[in-house]
């Protein structure tokens, strides 16, 4: 069971999985952009920061496709694409596939 930040740092996602720390509502990105909870009126989206990245998925011919995001990237993804959630020291994290990302937020 993952319960501490030290254990979160040891998580190594497989294939194209990402571990993303969910951002609290109305939080400011590293680049200074405020993201209010009310920014999205229709289908809810999540904002977060990538904390761990898998090595990438394999193509049918056996080649590996490296992820296009890296640790520390701020990302946006749909509520319904969110995978398994875990919590450690009051922070929430979610495992998602890279293909479920909608966007990255540039600083």
PDB file of N, CA and C in Angstrom:
ATOM      1  N   UNK A   1       0.838  -1.176   0.000  1.00  0.00           N
ATOM      2  CA  UNK A   1       0.000   0.000   0.000  1.00  0.00           C
ATOM      3  C   UNK A   1       0.888   1.247   0.000  1.00  0.00           C
ATOM      4  N   UNK A   2       0.541   2.206  -0.784  1.00  0.00           N
ATOM      5  CA  UNK A   2       1.305   3.446  -0.884  1.00  0.00           C
ATOM      6  C   UNK A   2       0.679   4.466   0.051  1.00  0.00           C
ATOM      7  N   UNK A   3       1.442   4.935   1.024  1.00  0.00           N
ATOM      8  CA  UNK A   3       0.896   5.868   2.001  1.00  0.00           C
ATOM      9  C   UNK A   3       1.764   7.095   2.233  1.00  0.00           C
ATOM     10  N   UNK A   4       3.024   7.063   1.790  1.00  0.00           N
ATOM     11  CA  UNK A   4       3.916   8.186   2.055  1.00  0.00           C
ATOM     12  C   UNK A   4       4.510   8.724   0.763  1.00  0.00           C
ATOM     13  N   UNK A   5       5.032   9.943   0.847  1.00  0.00           N
ATOM     14  CA  UNK A   5       5.678  10.552  -0.326  1.00  0.00           C
ATOM     15  C   UNK A   5       6.902   9.740  -0.743  1.00  0.00           C
ATOM     16  N   UNK A   6       7.589   9.158   0.196  1.00  0.00           N
ATOM     17  CA  UNK A   6       8.764   8.338  -0.118  1.00  0.00           C
ATOM     18  C   UNK A   6       8.355   7.144  -0.986  1.00  0.00           C
ATOM     19  N   UNK A   7       7.201   6.568  -0.684  1.00  0.00           N
ATOM     20  CA  UNK A   7       6.716   5.445  -1.476  1.00  0.00           C
ATOM     21  C   UNK A   7       6.244   5.904  -2.857  1.00  0.00           C
ATOM     22  N   UNK A   8       5.656   7.093  -2.942  1.00  0.00           N
ATOM     23  CA  UNK A   8       5.235   7.648  -4.241  1.00  0.00           C
ATOM     24  C   UNK A   8       6.448   7.806  -5.142  1.00  0.00           C
ATOM     25  N   UNK A   9       7.570   8.262  -4.590  1.00  0.00           N
ATOM     26  CA  UNK A   9       8.784   8.460  -5.387  1.00  0.00           C
ATOM     27  C   UNK A   9       9.325   7.165  -5.963  1.00  0.00           C
ATOM     28  N   UNK A  10       8.946   6.025  -5.410  1.00  0.00           N
ATOM     29  CA  UNK A  10       9.413   4.726  -5.885  1.00  0.00           C
ATOM     30  C   UNK A  10       8.511   4.126  -6.954  1.00  0.00           C
ATOM     31  N   UNK A  11       7.375   4.751  -7.222  1.00  0.00           N
ATOM     32  CA  UNK A  11       6.428   4.239  -8.219  1.00  0.00           C
ATOM     33  C   UNK A  11       7.024   4.387  -9.609  1.00  0.00           C
ATOM     34  N   UNK A  12       7.015   3.313 -10.387  1.00  0.00           N
ATOM     35  CA  UNK A  12       7.498   3.308 -11.763  1.00  0.00           C
ATOM     36  C   UNK A  12       6.401   2.749 -12.657  1.00  0.00           C
ATOM     37  N   UNK A  13       5.609   3.614 -13.292  1.00  0.00           N
ATOM     38  CA  UNK A  13       4.535   3.130 -14.173  1.00  0.00           C
ATOM     39  C   UNK A  13       5.090   2.274 -15.304  1.00  0.00           C
ATOM     40  N   UNK A  14       4.257   1.400 -15.836  1.00  0.00           N
ATOM     41  CA  UNK A  14       4.663   0.557 -16.957  1.00  0.00           C
ATOM     42  C   UNK A  14       4.061   1.077 -18.257  1.00  0.00           C
ATOM     43  N   UNK A  15       4.672   0.686 -19.365  1.00  0.00           N
ATOM     44  CA  UNK A  15       4.248   1.054 -20.710  1.00  0.00           C
ATOM     45  C   UNK A  15       3.934   2.540 -20.831  1.00  0.00           C
ATOM     46  N   UNK A  16       2.713   2.900 -21.286  1.00  0.00           N
ATOM     47  CA  UNK A  16       2.401   4.323 -21.498  1.00  0.00           C
ATOM     48  C   UNK A  16       1.621   4.926 -20.328  1.00  0.00           C
ATOM     49  N   UNK A  17       1.739   4.315 -19.164  1.00  0.00           N
ATOM     50  CA  UNK A  17       1.046   4.838 -17.981  1.00  0.00           C
ATOM     51  C   UNK A  17       1.801   6.029 -17.397  1.00  0.00           C
ATOM     52  N   UNK A  18       1.040   6.956 -16.808  1.00  0.00           N
ATOM     53  CA  UNK A  18       1.591   8.112 -16.113  1.00  0.00           C
ATOM     54  C   UNK A  18       1.019   8.133 -14.711  1.00  0.00           C
ATOM     55  N   UNK A  19       1.773   8.620 -13.752  1.00  0.00           N
ATOM     56  CA  UNK A  19       1.243   8.901 -12.422  1.00  0.00           C
ATOM     57  C   UNK A  19       1.180  10.409 -12.318  1.00  0.00           C
ATOM     58  N   UNK A  20      -0.038  10.940 -12.094  1.00  0.00           N
ATOM     59  CA  UNK A  20      -0.264  12.375 -12.087  1.00  0.00           C
ATOM     60  C   UNK A  20      -0.803  12.789 -10.715  1.00  0.00           C
ATOM     61  N   UNK A  21      -0.201  13.834 -10.149  1.00  0.00           N
ATOM     62  CA  UNK A  21      -0.732  14.394  -8.909  1.00  0.00           C
ATOM     63  C   UNK A  21      -1.851  15.346  -9.286  1.00  0.00           C
ATOM     64  N   UNK A  22      -3.034  15.104  -8.734  1.00  0.00           N
ATOM     65  CA  UNK A  22      -4.177  15.952  -9.027  1.00  0.00           C
ATOM     66  C   UNK A  22      -3.997  17.304  -8.368  1.00  0.00           C
ATOM     67  N   UNK A  23      -4.327  18.331  -9.102  1.00  0.00           N
ATOM     68  CA  UNK A  23      -4.210  19.693  -8.612  1.00  0.00           C
ATOM     69  C   UNK A  23      -5.492  20.066  -7.888  1.00  0.00           C
ATOM     70  N   UNK A  24      -5.353  20.800  -6.818  1.00  0.00           N
ATOM     71  CA  UNK A  24      -6.521  21.284  -6.082  1.00  0.00           C
ATOM     72  C   UNK A  24      -7.240  22.334  -6.923  1.00  0.00           C
ATOM     73  N   UNK A  25      -8.520  22.522  -6.647  1.00  0.00           N
ATOM     74  CA  UNK A  25      -9.316  23.528  -7.354  1.00  0.00           C
ATOM     75  C   UNK A  25      -8.721  24.910  -7.148  1.00  0.00           C
ATOM     76  N   UNK A  26      -8.853  25.754  -8.171  1.00  0.00           N
ATOM     77  CA  UNK A  26      -8.383  27.135  -8.130  1.00  0.00           C
ATOM     78  C   UNK A  26      -6.906  27.231  -7.761  1.00  0.00           C
ATOM     79  N   UNK A  27      -6.090  26.400  -8.388  1.00  0.00           N
ATOM     80  CA  UNK A  27      -4.667  26.408  -8.084  1.00  0.00           C
ATOM     81  C   UNK A  27      -3.876  27.059  -9.208  1.00  0.00           C
ATOM     82  N   UNK A  28      -2.731  27.580  -8.884  1.00  0.00           N
ATOM     83  CA  UNK A  28      -1.868  28.265  -9.835  1.00  0.00           C
ATOM     84  C   UNK A  28      -0.824  27.287 -10.379  1.00  0.00           C
ATOM     85  N   UNK A  29      -0.591  27.311 -11.712  1.00  0.00           N
ATOM     86  CA  UNK A  29       0.423  26.454 -12.309  1.00  0.00           C
ATOM     87  C   UNK A  29       1.811  27.026 -12.041  1.00  0.00           C
ATOM     88  N   UNK A  30       2.831  26.232 -12.362  1.00  0.00           N
ATOM     89  CA  UNK A  30       4.214  26.691 -12.199  1.00  0.00           C
ATOM     90  C   UNK A  30       4.487  27.949 -13.023  1.00  0.00           C
ATOM     91  N   UNK A  31       3.808  28.069 -14.168  1.00  0.00           N
ATOM     92  CA  UNK A  31       3.993  29.220 -15.050  1.00  0.00           C
ATOM     93  C   UNK A  31       3.184  30.444 -14.649  1.00  0.00           C
ATOM     94  N   UNK A  32       2.423  30.334 -13.549  1.00  0.00           N
ATOM     95  CA  UNK A  32       1.676  31.478 -13.055  1.00  0.00           C
ATOM     96  C   UNK A  32       0.251  31.586 -13.565  1.00  0.00           C
ATOM     97  N   UNK A  33      -0.257  30.525 -14.192  1.00  0.00           N
ATOM     98  CA  UNK A  33      -1.620  30.555 -14.709  1.00  0.00           C
ATOM     99  C   UNK A  33      -2.574  30.052 -13.625  1.00  0.00           C
ATOM    100  N   UNK A  34      -3.609  30.857 -13.311  1.00  0.00           N
ATOM    101  CA  UNK A  34      -4.632  30.436 -12.355  1.00  0.00           C
ATOM    102  C   UNK A  34      -5.674  29.613 -13.076  1.00  0.00           C
ATOM    103  N   UNK A  35      -6.004  28.465 -12.519  1.00  0.00           N
ATOM    104  CA  UNK A  35      -6.998  27.594 -13.131  1.00  0.00           C
ATOM    105  C   UNK A  35      -8.173  27.458 -12.159  1.00  0.00           C
ATOM    106  N   UNK A  36      -9.242  28.238 -12.368  1.00  0.00           N
ATOM    107  CA  UNK A  36     -10.385  28.155 -11.464  1.00  0.00           C
ATOM    108  C   UNK A  36     -11.219  26.907 -11.709  1.00  0.00           C
ATOM    109  N   UNK A  37     -11.877  26.443 -10.663  1.00  0.00           N
ATOM    110  CA  UNK A  37     -12.747  25.283 -10.769  1.00  0.00           C
ATOM    111  C   UNK A  37     -13.850  25.523 -11.796  1.00  0.00           C
ATOM    112  N   UNK A  38     -14.293  26.753 -11.912  1.00  0.00           N
ATOM    113  CA  UNK A  38     -15.394  27.087 -12.808  1.00  0.00           C
ATOM    114  C   UNK A  38     -14.954  27.297 -14.256  1.00  0.00           C
ATOM    115  N   UNK A  39     -13.687  27.034 -14.565  1.00  0.00           N
ATOM    116  CA  UNK A  39     -13.187  27.251 -15.921  1.00  0.00           C
ATOM    117  C   UNK A  39     -13.851  26.325 -16.933  1.00  0.00           C
ATOM    118  N   UNK A  40     -14.358  25.220 -16.453  1.00  0.00           N
ATOM    119  CA  UNK A  40     -14.970  24.248 -17.350  1.00  0.00           C
ATOM    120  C   UNK A  40     -16.428  24.086 -16.954  1.00  0.00           C
ATOM    121  N   UNK A  41     -17.337  24.400 -17.856  1.00  0.00           N
ATOM    122  CA  UNK A  41     -18.755  24.340 -17.536  1.00  0.00           C
ATOM    123  C   UNK A  41     -19.409  23.022 -17.919  1.00  0.00           C
ATOM    124  N   UNK A  42     -18.869  22.308 -18.895  1.00  0.00           N
ATOM    125  CA  UNK A  42     -19.536  21.107 -19.372  1.00  0.00           C
ATOM    126  C   UNK A  42     -18.864  19.869 -18.804  1.00  0.00           C
ATOM    127  N   UNK A  43     -18.148  19.140 -19.627  1.00  0.00           N
ATOM    128  CA  UNK A  43     -17.508  17.926 -19.156  1.00  0.00           C
ATOM    129  C   UNK A  43     -16.326  18.278 -18.257  1.00  0.00           C
ATOM    130  N   UNK A  44     -16.345  17.818 -17.011  1.00  0.00           N
ATOM    131  CA  UNK A  44     -15.264  18.151 -16.090  1.00  0.00           C
ATOM    132  C   UNK A  44     -13.917  17.625 -16.591  1.00  0.00           C
ATOM    133  N   UNK A  45     -12.887  18.388 -16.325  1.00  0.00           N
ATOM    134  CA  UNK A  45     -11.528  17.959 -16.625  1.00  0.00           C
ATOM    135  C   UNK A  45     -10.703  18.065 -15.360  1.00  0.00           C
ATOM    136  N   UNK A  46      -9.616  17.330 -15.340  1.00  0.00           N
ATOM    137  CA  UNK A  46      -8.684  17.370 -14.223  1.00  0.00           C
ATOM    138  C   UNK A  46      -7.416  18.074 -14.668  1.00  0.00           C
ATOM    139  N   UNK A  47      -6.794  18.755 -13.743  1.00  0.00           N
ATOM    140  CA  UNK A  47      -5.497  19.373 -13.949  1.00  0.00           C
ATOM    141  C   UNK A  47      -4.543  18.683 -12.994  1.00  0.00           C
ATOM    142  N   UNK A  48      -3.302  18.468 -13.440  1.00  0.00           N
ATOM    143  CA  UNK A  48      -2.348  17.820 -12.565  1.00  0.00           C
ATOM    144  C   UNK A  48      -0.928  17.986 -13.048  1.00  0.00           C
ATOM    145  N   UNK A  49      -0.023  17.428 -12.260  1.00  0.00           N
ATOM    146  CA  UNK A  49       1.399  17.452 -12.571  1.00  0.00           C
ATOM    147  C   UNK A  49       1.906  16.026 -12.644  1.00  0.00           C
ATOM    148  N   UNK A  50       2.620  15.705 -13.712  1.00  0.00           N
ATOM    149  CA  UNK A  50       3.167  14.360 -13.897  1.00  0.00           C
ATOM    150  C   UNK A  50       4.279  14.132 -12.875  1.00  0.00           C
ATOM    151  N   UNK A  51       4.166  13.045 -12.102  1.00  0.00           N
ATOM    152  CA  UNK A  51       5.198  12.730 -11.111  1.00  0.00           C
ATOM    153  C   UNK A  51       6.011  11.496 -11.482  1.00  0.00           C
ATOM    154  N   UNK A  52       5.479  10.670 -12.401  1.00  0.00           N
ATOM    155  CA  UNK A  52       6.226   9.501 -12.882  1.00  0.00           C
ATOM    156  C   UNK A  52       5.703   9.113 -14.255  1.00  0.00           C
ATOM    157  N   UNK A  53       6.614   8.644 -15.110  1.00  0.00           N
ATOM    158  CA  UNK A  53       6.281   8.317 -16.503  1.00  0.00           C
ATOM    159  C   UNK A  53       6.796   6.924 -16.833  1.00  0.00           C
ATOM    160  N   UNK A  54       5.946   6.121 -17.468  1.00  0.00           N
ATOM    161  CA  UNK A  54       6.380   4.809 -17.935  1.00  0.00           C
ATOM    162  C   UNK A  54       7.303   4.942 -19.127  1.00  0.00           C
ATOM    163  N   UNK A  55       7.952   3.846 -19.533  1.00  0.00           N
ATOM    164  CA  UNK A  55       8.916   3.898 -20.633  1.00  0.00           C
ATOM    165  C   UNK A  55       8.301   4.060 -22.015  1.00  0.00           C
ATOM    166  N   UNK A  56       6.988   3.870 -22.136  1.00  0.00           N
ATOM    167  CA  UNK A  56       6.322   4.012 -23.429  1.00  0.00           C
ATOM    168  C   UNK A  56       5.683   2.715 -23.883  1.00  0.00           C
ATOM    169  N   UNK A  57       4.823   2.827 -24.878  1.00  0.00           N
ATOM    170  CA  UNK A  57       4.111   1.653 -25.386  1.00  0.00           C
ATOM    171  C   UNK A  57       4.864   1.062 -26.573  1.00  0.00           C
ATOM    172  N   UNK A  58       4.499  -0.163 -26.911  1.00  0.00           N
ATOM    173  CA  UNK A  58       5.101  -0.840 -28.056  1.00  0.00           C
ATOM    174  C   UNK A  58       4.162  -0.788 -29.257  1.00  0.00           C
ATOM    175  N   UNK A  59       4.743  -0.585 -30.436  1.00  0.00           N
ATOM    176  CA  UNK A  59       3.995  -0.674 -31.681  1.00  0.00           C
ATOM    177  C   UNK A  59       3.900  -2.138 -32.101  1.00  0.00           C
ATOM    178  N   UNK A  60       3.072  -2.430 -33.092  1.00  0.00           N
ATOM    179  CA  UNK A  60       2.921  -3.810 -33.558  1.00  0.00           C
ATOM    180  C   UNK A  60       4.217  -4.402 -34.068  1.00  0.00           C
ATOM    181  N   UNK A  61       5.100  -3.562 -34.612  1.00  0.00           N
ATOM    182  CA  UNK A  61       6.368  -4.078 -35.139  1.00  0.00           C
ATOM    183  C   UNK A  61       7.442  -4.210 -34.055  1.00  0.00           C
ATOM    184  N   UNK A  62       7.076  -3.957 -32.795  1.00  0.00           N
ATOM    185  CA  UNK A  62       8.009  -4.150 -31.685  1.00  0.00           C
ATOM    186  C   UNK A  62       8.767  -2.909 -31.253  1.00  0.00           C
ATOM    187  N   UNK A  63       8.678  -1.830 -32.026  1.00  0.00           N
ATOM    188  CA  UNK A  63       9.362  -0.595 -31.632  1.00  0.00           C
ATOM    189  C   UNK A  63       8.627   0.071 -30.477  1.00  0.00           C
ATOM    190  N   UNK A  64       9.390   0.698 -29.597  1.00  0.00           N
ATOM    191  CA  UNK A  64       8.801   1.401 -28.463  1.00  0.00           C
ATOM    192  C   UNK A  64       8.614   2.872 -28.808  1.00  0.00           C
ATOM    193  N   UNK A  65       7.450   3.432 -28.448  1.00  0.00           N
ATOM    194  CA  UNK A  65       7.156   4.847 -28.631  1.00  0.00           C
ATOM    195  C   UNK A  65       7.348   5.524 -27.281  1.00  0.00           C
ATOM    196  N   UNK A  66       8.350   6.402 -27.217  1.00  0.00           N
ATOM    197  CA  UNK A  66       8.624   7.097 -25.955  1.00  0.00           C
ATOM    198  C   UNK A  66       7.528   8.107 -25.656  1.00  0.00           C
ATOM    199  N   UNK A  67       7.218   8.318 -24.377  1.00  0.00           N
ATOM    200  CA  UNK A  67       6.181   9.290 -24.007  1.00  0.00           C
ATOM    201  C   UNK A  67       6.551  10.705 -24.443  1.00  0.00           C
ATOM    202  N   UNK A  68       5.526  11.507 -24.723  1.00  0.00           N
ATOM    203  CA  UNK A  68       5.765  12.894 -25.131  1.00  0.00           C
ATOM    204  C   UNK A  68       5.753  13.852 -23.947  1.00  0.00           C
ATOM    205  N   UNK A  69       5.467  13.336 -22.755  1.00  0.00           N
ATOM    206  CA  UNK A  69       5.496  14.156 -21.541  1.00  0.00           C
ATOM    207  C   UNK A  69       6.595  13.646 -20.623  1.00  0.00           C
ATOM    208  N   UNK A  70       6.969  14.501 -19.677  1.00  0.00           N
ATOM    209  CA  UNK A  70       8.019  14.116 -18.725  1.00  0.00           C
ATOM    210  C   UNK A  70       7.608  14.512 -17.321  1.00  0.00           C
ATOM    211  N   UNK A  71       8.331  14.008 -16.370  1.00  0.00           N
ATOM    212  CA  UNK A  71       8.081  14.342 -14.972  1.00  0.00           C
ATOM    213  C   UNK A  71       8.120  15.866 -14.804  1.00  0.00           C
ATOM    214  N   UNK A  72       7.130  16.397 -14.099  1.00  0.00           N
ATOM    215  CA  UNK A  72       7.066  17.840 -13.864  1.00  0.00           C
ATOM    216  C   UNK A  72       6.151  18.591 -14.816  1.00  0.00           C
ATOM    217  N   UNK A  73       5.732  17.954 -15.913  1.00  0.00           N
ATOM    218  CA  UNK A  73       4.827  18.618 -16.860  1.00  0.00           C
ATOM    219  C   UNK A  73       3.437  18.785 -16.236  1.00  0.00           C
ATOM    220  N   UNK A  74       2.830  19.941 -16.471  1.00  0.00           N
ATOM    221  CA  UNK A  74       1.447  20.185 -16.066  1.00  0.00           C
ATOM    222  C   UNK A  74       0.551  19.722 -17.202  1.00  0.00           C
ATOM    223  N   UNK A  75      -0.492  18.942 -16.864  1.00  0.00           N
ATOM    224  CA  UNK A  75      -1.337  18.336 -17.882  1.00  0.00           C
ATOM    225  C   UNK A  75      -2.823  18.521 -17.564  1.00  0.00           C
ATOM    226  N   UNK A  76      -3.642  18.342 -18.607  1.00  0.00           N
ATOM    227  CA  UNK A  76      -5.094  18.377 -18.491  1.00  0.00           C
ATOM    228  C   UNK A  76      -5.616  17.067 -19.082  1.00  0.00           C
ATOM    229  N   UNK A  77      -6.574  16.447 -18.393  1.00  0.00           N
ATOM    230  CA  UNK A  77      -7.173  15.224 -18.914  1.00  0.00           C
ATOM    231  C   UNK A  77      -8.622  15.149 -18.469  1.00  0.00           C
ATOM    232  N   UNK A  78      -9.418  14.390 -19.211  1.00  0.00           N
ATOM    233  CA  UNK A  78     -10.845  14.290 -18.933  1.00  0.00           C
ATOM    234  C   UNK A  78     -11.150  13.509 -17.680  1.00  0.00           C
ATOM    235  N   UNK A  79     -12.212  13.892 -17.031  1.00  0.00           N
ATOM    236  CA  UNK A  79     -12.642  13.238 -15.801  1.00  0.00           C
ATOM    237  C   UNK A  79     -12.857  11.744 -16.029  1.00  0.00           C
ATOM    238  N   UNK A  80     -13.453  11.396 -17.156  1.00  0.00           N
ATOM    239  CA  UNK A  80     -13.810  10.008 -17.390  1.00  0.00           C
ATOM    240  C   UNK A  80     -12.658   9.164 -17.918  1.00  0.00           C
ATOM    241  N   UNK A  81     -11.520   9.780 -18.204  1.00  0.00           N
ATOM    242  CA  UNK A  81     -10.355   9.003 -18.629  1.00  0.00           C
ATOM    243  C   UNK A  81      -9.467   8.671 -17.442  1.00  0.00           C
ATOM    244  N   UNK A  82      -9.783   9.239 -16.282  1.00  0.00           N
ATOM    245  CA  UNK A  82      -8.970   9.007 -15.092  1.00  0.00           C
ATOM    246  C   UNK A  82      -9.032   7.540 -14.697  1.00  0.00           C
ATOM    247  N   UNK A  83      -7.877   7.021 -14.337  1.00  0.00           N
ATOM    248  CA  UNK A  83      -7.787   5.625 -13.924  1.00  0.00           C
ATOM    249  C   UNK A  83      -7.850   5.479 -12.418  1.00  0.00           C
ATOM    250  N   UNK A  84      -7.040   4.601 -11.899  1.00  0.00           N
ATOM    251  CA  UNK A  84      -7.010   4.321 -10.462  1.00  0.00           C
ATOM    252  C   UNK A  84      -6.452   5.504  -9.686  1.00  0.00           C
ATOM    253  N   UNK A  85      -7.134   5.856  -8.620  1.00  0.00           N
ATOM    254  CA  UNK A  85      -6.673   6.944  -7.761  1.00  0.00           C
ATOM    255  C   UNK A  85      -6.036   6.368  -6.512  1.00  0.00           C
ATOM    256  N   UNK A  86      -4.988   7.043  -6.034  1.00  0.00           N
ATOM    257  CA  UNK A  86      -4.364   6.698  -4.762  1.00  0.00           C
ATOM    258  C   UNK A  86      -4.149   7.997  -3.991  1.00  0.00           C
ATOM    259  N   UNK A  87      -3.965   7.874  -2.697  1.00  0.00           N
ATOM    260  CA  UNK A  87      -3.745   9.049  -1.865  1.00  0.00           C
ATOM    261  C   UNK A  87      -2.567   8.776  -0.945  1.00  0.00           C
ATOM    262  N   UNK A  88      -1.713   9.781  -0.770  1.00  0.00           N
ATOM    263  CA  UNK A  88      -0.565   9.677   0.133  1.00  0.00           C
ATOM    264  C   UNK A  88      -0.351  11.025   0.794  1.00  0.00           C
ATOM    265  N   UNK A  89      -0.343  11.045   2.091  1.00  0.00           N
ATOM    266  CA  UNK A  89      -0.108  12.256   2.872  1.00  0.00           C
ATOM    267  C   UNK A  89      -1.013  13.407   2.450  1.00  0.00           C
ATOM    268  N   UNK A  90      -2.283  13.100   2.216  1.00  0.00           N
ATOM    269  CA  UNK A  90      -3.256  14.128   1.878  1.00  0.00           C
ATOM    270  C   UNK A  90      -3.245  14.582   0.432  1.00  0.00           C
ATOM    271  N   UNK A  91      -2.380  14.027  -0.383  1.00  0.00           N
ATOM    272  CA  UNK A  91      -2.326  14.380  -1.807  1.00  0.00           C
ATOM    273  C   UNK A  91      -2.949  13.257  -2.615  1.00  0.00           C
ATOM    274  N   UNK A  92      -3.659  13.626  -3.698  1.00  0.00           N
ATOM    275  CA  UNK A  92      -4.310  12.630  -4.541  1.00  0.00           C
ATOM    276  C   UNK A  92      -3.545  12.461  -5.842  1.00  0.00           C
ATOM    277  N   UNK A  93      -3.435  11.209  -6.267  1.00  0.00           N
ATOM    278  CA  UNK A  93      -2.726  10.852  -7.491  1.00  0.00           C
ATOM    279  C   UNK A  93      -3.625   9.938  -8.312  1.00  0.00           C
ATOM    280  N   UNK A  94      -3.382   9.918  -9.616  1.00  0.00           N
ATOM    281  CA  UNK A  94      -4.151   9.050 -10.499  1.00  0.00           C
ATOM    282  C   UNK A  94      -3.219   8.472 -11.561  1.00  0.00           C
ATOM    283  N   UNK A  95      -3.454   7.205 -11.904  1.00  0.00           N
ATOM    284  CA  UNK A  95      -2.751   6.563 -13.013  1.00  0.00           C
ATOM    285  C   UNK A  95      -3.603   6.733 -14.258  1.00  0.00           C
ATOM    286  N   UNK A  96      -3.017   7.219 -15.348  1.00  0.00           N
ATOM    287  CA  UNK A  96      -3.728   7.352 -16.615  1.00  0.00           C
ATOM    288  C   UNK A  96      -2.803   6.945 -17.754  1.00  0.00           C
ATOM    289  N   UNK A  97      -3.398   6.652 -18.898  1.00  0.00           N
ATOM    290  CA  UNK A  97      -2.619   6.396 -20.112  1.00  0.00           C
ATOM    291  C   UNK A  97      -2.250   7.735 -20.737  1.00  0.00           C
ATOM    292  N   UNK A  98      -1.083   7.801 -21.337  1.00  0.00           N
ATOM    293  CA  UNK A  98      -0.667   9.036 -22.001  1.00  0.00           C
ATOM    294  C   UNK A  98      -1.688   9.461 -23.061  1.00  0.00           C
ATOM    295  N   UNK A  99      -2.286   8.510 -23.735  1.00  0.00           N
ATOM    296  CA  UNK A  99      -3.261   8.829 -24.788  1.00  0.00           C
ATOM    297  C   UNK A  99      -4.525   9.493 -24.241  1.00  0.00           C
ATOM    298  N   UNK A 100      -4.738   9.445 -22.929  1.00  0.00           N
ATOM    299  CA  UNK A 100      -5.905  10.092 -22.320  1.00  0.00           C
ATOM    300  C   UNK A 100      -5.676  11.567 -22.011  1.00  0.00           C
ATOM    301  N   UNK A 101      -4.457  12.056 -22.223  1.00  0.00           N
ATOM    302  CA  UNK A 101      -4.188  13.469 -21.986  1.00  0.00           C
ATOM    303  C   UNK A 101      -4.861  14.317 -23.057  1.00  0.00           C
ATOM    304  N   UNK A 102      -5.394  15.440 -22.629  1.00  0.00           N
ATOM    305  CA  UNK A 102      -5.987  16.394 -23.569  1.00  0.00           C
ATOM    306  C   UNK A 102      -4.995  17.462 -23.978  1.00  0.00           C
ATOM    307  N   UNK A 103      -4.107  17.836 -23.033  1.00  0.00           N
ATOM    308  CA  UNK A 103      -3.178  18.934 -23.299  1.00  0.00           C
ATOM    309  C   UNK A 103      -2.119  18.991 -22.219  1.00  0.00           C
ATOM    310  N   UNK A 104      -1.036  19.686 -22.544  1.00  0.00           N
ATOM    311  CA  UNK A 104      -0.065  20.077 -21.531  1.00  0.00           C
ATOM    312  C   UNK A 104      -0.199  21.585 -21.356  1.00  0.00           C
ATOM    313  N   UNK A 105       0.245  22.076 -20.225  1.00  0.00           N
ATOM    314  CA  UNK A 105       0.241  23.523 -19.958  1.00  0.00           C
ATOM    315  C   UNK A 105       1.675  24.004 -19.965  1.00  0.00           C
ATOM    316  N   UNK A 106       1.994  24.894 -20.884  1.00  0.00           N
ATOM    317  CA  UNK A 106       3.355  25.397 -20.962  1.00  0.00           C
ATOM    318  C   UNK A 106       3.537  26.543 -20.002  1.00  0.00           C
ATOM    319  N   UNK A 107       4.735  26.612 -19.424  1.00  0.00           N
ATOM    320  CA  UNK A 107       5.049  27.675 -18.447  1.00  0.00           C
ATOM    321  C   UNK A 107       5.186  29.010 -19.127  1.00  0.00           C
TER     322      UNK A 107
END
